[in-house]
């Protein structure tokens, strides 16, 4: 396991915490009391979702949104619900919250 951040760094529907894994940008966020993490790459074109660092929620704070393409995603599973990549998904990373921290579980094939 690799520590990503302290639990307090992730506020409900707040700014995502940016980190890198295997030389790729990634984000961790809190939604519905749960922590989720994804590679920070739009499913349409692999460009980072956030124009302003960590700002990945739309104005309603219900969906993740690509600031470049306008694609929007379900925060709980990364599925694109609309925009140029409808039906595709963000690449989810496996994380757990334990001991007041968020931990990334190592992936063998990413």
Protein backbone atom coordinates (compact mmCIF):
# COMPACT_ATOMS: atom_id res chain seq x y z
CA UNK A 1 0.00 0.00 0.00
CA UNK A 2 1.05 3.55 -0.72
CA UNK A 3 -0.26 6.51 1.26
CA UNK A 4 -1.97 9.07 -0.98
CA UNK A 5 -3.07 11.64 1.59
CA UNK A 6 -4.59 12.17 5.02
CA UNK A 7 -8.34 11.59 5.25
CA UNK A 8 -8.88 15.24 6.18
CA UNK A 9 -7.43 16.29 2.81
CA UNK A 10 -10.60 15.05 1.08
CA UNK A 11 -13.70 17.08 1.82
CA UNK A 12 -17.10 15.82 0.66
CA UNK A 13 -17.51 16.90 -3.00
CA UNK A 14 -14.57 19.26 -2.58
CA UNK A 15 -11.33 19.59 -4.48
CA UNK A 16 -9.74 16.33 -5.53
CA UNK A 17 -6.31 15.47 -4.18
CA UNK A 18 -3.81 15.20 -7.05
CA UNK A 19 -1.04 12.61 -6.98
CA UNK A 20 1.06 10.58 -9.41
CA UNK A 21 1.29 6.86 -9.88
CA UNK A 22 3.55 5.17 -12.38
CA UNK A 23 4.32 8.59 -13.89
CA UNK A 24 0.63 9.29 -14.55
CA UNK A 25 -1.53 11.97 -12.96
CA UNK A 26 -4.27 10.70 -10.68
CA UNK A 27 -6.93 12.12 -8.37
CA UNK A 28 -8.60 11.03 -5.15
CA UNK A 29 -11.93 12.47 -4.06
CA UNK A 30 -14.70 12.02 -1.53
CA UNK A 31 -18.30 11.54 -2.65
CA UNK A 32 -21.18 10.18 -0.58
CA UNK A 33 -18.77 9.65 2.31
CA UNK A 34 -16.64 7.24 0.25
CA UNK A 35 -13.21 7.78 -1.27
CA UNK A 36 -12.65 7.14 -4.97
CA UNK A 37 -9.54 7.49 -7.12
CA UNK A 38 -9.01 7.63 -10.87
CA UNK A 39 -6.27 8.38 -13.33
CA UNK A 40 -6.72 12.06 -14.09
CA UNK A 41 -7.43 11.46 -17.78
CA UNK A 42 -10.61 12.12 -19.73
CA UNK A 43 -11.94 8.99 -21.43
CA UNK A 44 -12.38 10.98 -24.66
CA UNK A 45 -8.80 12.22 -25.04
CA UNK A 46 -6.24 11.53 -22.29
CA UNK A 47 -6.05 15.10 -21.01
CA UNK A 48 -6.35 15.98 -17.32
CA UNK A 49 -9.91 16.61 -16.16
CA UNK A 50 -9.07 19.65 -14.06
CA UNK A 51 -8.05 22.97 -15.56
CA UNK A 52 -7.72 24.36 -12.03
CA UNK A 53 -5.86 21.80 -9.85
CA UNK A 54 -8.28 19.43 -8.13
CA UNK A 55 -11.42 21.13 -9.45
CA UNK A 56 -13.14 18.11 -11.01
CA UNK A 57 -16.76 18.50 -9.86
CA UNK A 58 -19.35 20.27 -11.98
CA UNK A 59 -21.25 23.26 -10.57
CA UNK A 60 -23.94 21.01 -9.03
CA UNK A 61 -21.21 18.96 -7.25
CA UNK A 62 -23.01 15.81 -8.50
CA UNK A 63 -20.71 14.80 -11.35
CA UNK A 64 -17.05 14.84 -12.31
CA UNK A 65 -16.46 16.92 -15.42
CA UNK A 66 -13.70 17.35 -17.97
CA UNK A 67 -12.97 21.06 -18.06
CA UNK A 68 -11.79 20.77 -21.68
CA UNK A 69 -14.39 18.51 -23.35
CA UNK A 70 -17.39 18.86 -21.05
CA UNK A 71 -17.72 15.10 -20.60
CA UNK A 72 -19.31 14.30 -17.26
CA UNK A 73 -18.83 11.21 -15.13
CA UNK A 74 -20.45 9.36 -12.26
CA UNK A 75 -18.09 9.91 -9.29
CA UNK A 76 -18.84 6.44 -7.89
CA UNK A 77 -17.74 4.38 -10.89
CA UNK A 78 -16.19 6.75 -13.44
CA UNK A 79 -18.79 6.00 -16.13
CA UNK A 80 -19.16 8.79 -18.69
CA UNK A 81 -22.80 9.82 -18.63
CA UNK A 82 -22.64 12.44 -21.36
CA UNK A 83 -20.37 14.25 -23.72
CA UNK A 84 -17.97 13.00 -26.37
CA UNK A 85 -17.12 9.73 -24.57
CA UNK A 86 -20.57 8.58 -23.44
CA UNK A 87 -20.45 4.97 -22.26
CA UNK A 88 -16.70 4.89 -21.62
CA UNK A 89 -15.17 5.16 -18.16
CA UNK A 90 -12.35 6.74 -16.24
CA UNK A 91 -9.71 4.24 -15.13
CA UNK A 92 -10.46 3.55 -11.47
CA UNK A 93 -7.72 2.98 -8.92
CA UNK A 94 -8.29 0.84 -5.86
CA UNK A 95 -8.05 2.80 -2.62
CA UNK A 96 -8.98 2.24 0.99
CA UNK A 97 -9.39 4.60 3.89
CA UNK A 98 -7.72 3.39 7.07
CA UNK A 99 -6.01 4.96 10.10
CA UNK A 100 -7.10 8.48 9.07
CA UNK A 101 -5.37 8.16 5.70
CA UNK A 102 -6.17 7.19 2.12
CA UNK A 103 -4.09 4.33 0.73
CA UNK A 104 -3.58 3.16 -2.83
CA UNK A 105 -3.51 -0.60 -3.29
CA UNK A 106 -0.82 -1.53 -5.79
CA UNK A 107 -1.98 -2.52 -9.25
CA UNK A 108 -0.16 -5.17 -11.20
CA UNK A 109 -1.20 -4.16 -14.73
CA UNK A 110 -1.51 -0.41 -15.17
